[in-house]
Amino acid sequence: MTIKFYRVSYQAFSIIGVQGSGKTNWIYYLARKFKKKFKDQGITAYIPYSHRNFVAFLYHYTYDFNEYFGIPEDPKYIFIAVDDMSFLIRNNATANDILYLISVIRHLNKQFKRVYVAFVTHYSKATRPFLRLTNVKILTSITSFEELEGLKGMFPPSSLYDFFNLYTEDPTKFYTLINHYGNVFITKIRKQKKPKFDIEVTKDYEVDIRDKFEQLLKKLSLEFITSKDHL
């Protein structure tokens, strides 16, 4: 069994694990696999560990994507990697708003026929709603029975125990447990070099983050109460 990019309008990946367990390596692997499949018809975007960066990307993705990022109008497919979602869900209000934006991301830009999104996150109770939004769940570590119990709704218990035994025996082997549309298997990939992303959102983006977030949510007919906790 291997990971596939299906020809659907929206496909989402969750990559869950502790630091140093190979989560970003999976982002690089998926980005390369996406480019190999879609070639010039697909573009990749990498958004690192910042609420500000994520909102900035979504705003320009919605309103002036091609012009702002210098992207031609030819590509029909996009792979968006968000690394690390853990920093975006510090409180329930932010998490709920971001969850909604993610759930409708395929509607925010009509240019793309298919949208593929990958989220890196550390496991916690707050991440469970994100896991439920994703078609493919990639687990790179499991360090406690508490985690194991919390993940039983996402993976079969027998697979979790098998992976727990493998991981705790030697975490440096970088085995990964995957639930791919209900098909569950354990695998591993080689160390990946960082690919060249077509778009890489950095801290240099100058946006009024509160204003952009409000505009996005208003566009989607949501009420949004501004708060410092959202920034």
Protein backbone atom coordinates (compact mmCIF):
# COMPACT_ATOMS: atom_id res chain seq x y z
CA MET A 1 0.00 0.00 0.00
CA THR A 2 1.19 3.51 -0.76
CA ILE A 3 -0.11 7.04 -0.47
CA LYS A 4 -2.01 8.29 -3.51
CA PHE A 5 -3.27 11.64 -4.74
CA TYR A 6 -6.78 10.78 -5.84
CA ARG A 7 -8.59 12.78 -8.49
CA VAL A 8 -11.03 14.37 -6.07
CA SER A 9 -11.78 18.05 -5.48
CA TYR A 10 -10.24 18.00 -1.98
CA GLN A 11 -7.86 15.65 -0.23
CA ALA A 12 -6.34 16.39 3.19
CA PHE A 13 -3.45 14.80 5.06
CA SER A 14 -2.73 14.98 8.81
CA ILE A 15 0.86 14.29 9.86
CA ILE A 16 0.97 13.76 13.62
CA GLY A 17 3.95 13.21 15.91
CA VAL A 18 6.49 14.59 18.35
CA GLN A 19 9.37 16.82 17.31
CA GLY A 20 12.11 14.99 15.46
CA SER A 21 9.90 12.06 14.42
CA GLY A 22 9.97 12.86 10.69
CA LYS A 23 6.82 14.95 10.16
CA THR A 24 8.45 17.57 7.92
CA ASN A 25 10.19 14.76 6.03
CA TRP A 26 6.71 13.54 5.07
CA ILE A 27 5.79 17.03 3.85
CA TYR A 28 8.82 16.97 1.53
CA TYR A 29 7.92 13.46 0.36
CA LEU A 30 4.32 14.42 -0.43
CA ALA A 31 5.39 17.61 -2.24
CA ARG A 32 7.73 15.62 -4.48
CA LYS A 33 5.10 12.97 -5.13
CA PHE A 34 2.57 15.68 -6.03
CA LYS A 35 4.98 17.34 -8.49
CA LYS A 36 5.81 14.01 -10.10
CA LYS A 37 2.12 13.32 -10.68
CA PHE A 38 0.89 16.72 -11.86
CA LYS A 39 4.10 18.27 -13.26
CA ASP A 40 3.50 21.78 -14.66
CA GLN A 41 -0.22 21.55 -13.95
CA GLY A 42 0.41 21.56 -10.20
CA ILE A 43 1.99 24.07 -7.83
CA THR A 44 3.20 23.65 -4.25
CA ALA A 45 2.97 26.06 -1.32
CA TYR A 46 4.81 25.77 2.01
CA ILE A 47 3.54 27.69 5.06
CA PRO A 48 5.74 27.35 8.17
CA TYR A 49 4.58 27.54 11.82
CA SER A 50 2.78 30.87 11.97
CA HIS A 51 -0.84 31.95 12.32
CA ARG A 52 0.14 35.19 10.60
CA ASN A 53 1.66 33.35 7.63
CA PHE A 54 -1.33 31.05 7.31
CA VAL A 55 -3.88 33.86 7.27
CA ALA A 56 -1.72 35.89 4.88
CA PHE A 57 -1.61 32.94 2.49
CA LEU A 58 -5.34 32.27 2.69
CA TYR A 59 -6.14 35.92 2.07
CA HIS A 60 -4.06 36.15 -1.11
CA TYR A 61 -5.13 32.66 -2.13
CA THR A 62 -8.71 33.96 -2.05
CA TYR A 63 -8.42 37.45 -3.53
CA ASP A 64 -5.35 37.98 -5.74
CA PHE A 65 -3.51 34.68 -5.90
CA ASN A 66 -1.90 34.73 -9.35
CA GLU A 67 -0.96 38.39 -9.27
CA TYR A 68 0.42 38.41 -5.72
CA PHE A 69 2.46 35.22 -5.94
CA GLY A 70 3.46 35.66 -9.59
CA ILE A 71 1.80 32.40 -10.60
CA PRO A 72 0.53 31.87 -14.17
CA GLU A 73 -3.11 30.92 -14.56
CA ASP A 74 -2.32 27.53 -16.10
CA PRO A 75 -1.96 25.33 -12.96
CA LYS A 76 -5.15 23.48 -12.04
CA TYR A 77 -3.92 21.63 -8.95
CA ILE A 78 -2.34 22.87 -5.72
CA PHE A 79 -0.59 21.18 -2.78
CA ILE A 80 -0.59 23.31 0.40
CA ALA A 81 1.65 22.27 3.32
CA VAL A 82 1.07 23.86 6.74
CA ASP A 83 3.96 23.14 9.11
CA ASP A 84 3.06 23.28 12.06
CA MET A 85 -0.68 23.49 12.83
CA SER A 86 0.03 23.09 16.56
CA PHE A 87 0.93 26.77 16.72
CA LEU A 88 -2.36 27.81 15.10
CA ILE A 89 -4.75 26.26 17.60
CA ARG A 90 -3.78 27.84 20.89
CA ASN A 91 -7.40 28.53 21.83
CA ASN A 92 -10.80 27.22 20.84
CA ALA A 93 -11.95 30.37 19.01
CA THR A 94 -8.92 30.38 16.73
CA ALA A 95 -9.20 26.63 16.19
CA ASN A 96 -12.87 26.85 15.20
CA ASP A 97 -12.28 29.69 12.74
CA ILE A 98 -9.30 27.95 11.14
CA LEU A 99 -11.18 24.67 11.00
CA TYR A 100 -13.94 26.38 9.07
CA LEU A 101 -11.53 28.04 6.63
CA ILE A 102 -9.82 24.72 6.03
CA SER A 103 -13.12 22.94 5.46
CA VAL A 104 -14.04 25.40 2.68
CA ILE A 105 -10.53 25.99 1.29
CA ARG A 106 -11.37 24.31 -1.99
CA HIS A 107 -14.09 26.95 -2.52
CA LEU A 108 -11.89 29.98 -1.82
CA ASN A 109 -10.11 29.86 -5.18
CA LYS A 110 -12.11 28.65 -8.18
CA GLN A 111 -8.99 28.38 -10.34
CA PHE A 112 -8.02 25.01 -8.88
CA LYS A 113 -9.89 21.87 -9.85
CA ARG A 114 -8.26 19.91 -7.05
CA VAL A 115 -6.80 21.04 -3.73
CA TYR A 116 -4.48 18.87 -1.62
CA VAL A 117 -3.62 20.09 1.90
CA ALA A 118 -1.17 18.59 4.41
CA PHE A 119 -1.14 19.61 8.08
CA VAL A 120 1.73 18.88 10.44
CA THR A 121 0.77 18.82 14.11
CA HIS A 122 1.75 17.48 17.51
CA TYR A 123 -0.86 15.17 18.99
CA SER A 124 -3.18 16.70 21.59
CA LYS A 125 -6.90 16.72 22.32
CA ALA A 126 -7.12 20.03 20.43
CA THR A 127 -5.90 18.37 17.23
CA ARG A 128 -8.67 15.76 17.06
CA PRO A 129 -11.07 18.00 15.08
CA PHE A 130 -8.32 18.51 12.47
CA LEU A 131 -7.79 14.77 12.21
CA ARG A 132 -11.48 14.27 11.50
CA LEU A 133 -11.21 16.68 8.55
CA THR A 134 -8.51 14.64 6.84
CA ASN A 135 -8.72 11.67 4.50
CA VAL A 136 -5.18 10.46 5.20
CA LYS A 137 -3.69 10.27 8.70
CA ILE A 138 0.08 9.82 9.02
CA LEU A 139 1.29 9.01 12.55
CA THR A 140 5.06 9.36 13.03
CA SER A 141 5.26 8.67 16.77
CA ILE A 142 3.31 7.37 19.73
CA THR A 143 4.87 7.90 23.13
CA SER A 144 2.23 7.07 25.74
CA PHE A 145 -0.84 4.99 26.43
CA GLU A 146 -2.81 8.23 26.75
CA GLU A 147 -2.03 9.05 23.11
CA LEU A 148 -2.86 5.52 22.10
CA GLU A 149 -6.27 5.70 23.74
CA GLY A 150 -7.01 9.10 22.15
CA LEU A 151 -6.17 7.85 18.67
CA LYS A 152 -8.39 4.77 18.77
CA GLY A 153 -11.11 6.59 16.86
CA MET A 154 -8.66 7.28 14.02
CA PHE A 155 -6.80 3.93 13.85
CA PRO A 156 -7.69 0.32 14.73
CA PRO A 157 -6.47 -0.54 18.25
CA SER A 158 -4.44 -3.53 17.02
CA SER A 159 -2.52 -1.32 14.55
CA LEU A 160 -1.87 1.27 17.26
CA TYR A 161 -0.43 -1.37 19.61
CA ASP A 162 1.76 -2.78 16.81
CA PHE A 163 3.06 0.67 15.99
CA PHE A 164 3.52 1.58 19.66
CA ASN A 165 5.73 -1.49 20.15
CA LEU A 166 7.78 -0.68 17.03
CA TYR A 167 8.22 2.98 17.93
CA THR A 168 9.13 2.51 21.58
CA GLU A 169 11.57 -0.29 20.72
CA ASP A 170 13.59 2.06 18.45
CA PRO A 171 12.21 5.51 17.45
CA THR A 172 15.23 6.16 15.20
CA LYS A 173 13.93 3.68 12.62
CA PHE A 174 11.21 6.20 11.71
CA TYR A 175 8.37 3.78 11.08
CA THR A 176 5.04 5.45 10.30
CA LEU A 177 1.46 4.30 10.83
CA ILE A 178 -0.92 5.43 8.07
CA ASN A 179 -4.69 5.42 7.72
CA HIS A 180 -5.27 6.02 4.01
CA TYR A 181 -9.02 6.28 3.40
CA GLY A 182 -9.56 3.42 5.86
CA ASN A 183 -6.64 1.32 4.61
CA VAL A 184 -4.22 1.04 7.56
CA PHE A 185 -0.57 0.04 7.22
CA ILE A 186 2.91 0.65 8.66
CA THR A 187 5.66 1.92 6.39
CA LYS A 188 8.79 4.09 6.27
CA ILE A 189 10.33 6.51 3.77
CA ARG A 190 13.87 7.66 3.10
CA LYS A 191 15.27 10.94 4.34
CA GLN A 192 14.10 13.65 1.92
CA LYS A 193 15.86 16.82 0.82
CA LYS A 194 13.72 19.93 0.95
CA PRO A 195 12.17 20.39 -2.51
CA LYS A 196 11.79 23.75 -4.20
CA PHE A 197 8.29 24.97 -3.40
CA ASP A 198 6.60 27.28 -5.92
CA ILE A 199 5.41 29.43 -2.99
CA GLU A 200 7.04 29.67 0.42
CA VAL A 201 5.30 32.01 2.84
CA THR A 202 7.73 33.79 5.16
CA LYS A 203 7.64 36.23 8.04
CA ASP A 204 8.37 39.02 5.55
CA TYR A 205 4.71 39.09 4.47
CA GLU A 206 3.31 42.46 5.46
CA VAL A 207 -0.38 42.15 6.24
CA ASP A 208 -2.82 43.59 8.73
CA ILE A 209 -3.58 40.16 10.07
CA ARG A 210 -6.73 41.02 12.00
CA ASP A 211 -8.23 42.86 9.03
CA LYS A 212 -7.42 40.01 6.63
CA PHE A 213 -8.90 37.40 8.94
CA GLU A 214 -12.08 39.44 9.31
CA GLN A 215 -12.39 39.86 5.56
CA LEU A 216 -12.02 36.14 4.96
CA LEU A 217 -14.64 35.25 7.54
CA LYS A 218 -17.06 37.96 6.42
CA LYS A 219 -16.70 36.71 2.85
CA LEU A 220 -17.92 33.37 4.14
CA SER A 221 -20.79 35.00 6.07
CA LEU A 222 -19.27 34.27 9.46
CA GLU A 223 -19.38 36.51 12.49
CA PHE A 224 -15.94 37.14 13.90
CA ILE A 225 -15.14 38.92 17.18
CA THR A 226 -11.63 40.35 17.10
CA SER A 227 -9.43 39.32 19.95
CA LYS A 228 -5.73 39.42 20.72
CA ASP A 229 -5.97 35.66 21.19
CA HIS A 230 -6.51 35.30 17.45
CA LEU A 231 -3.17 36.89 16.59
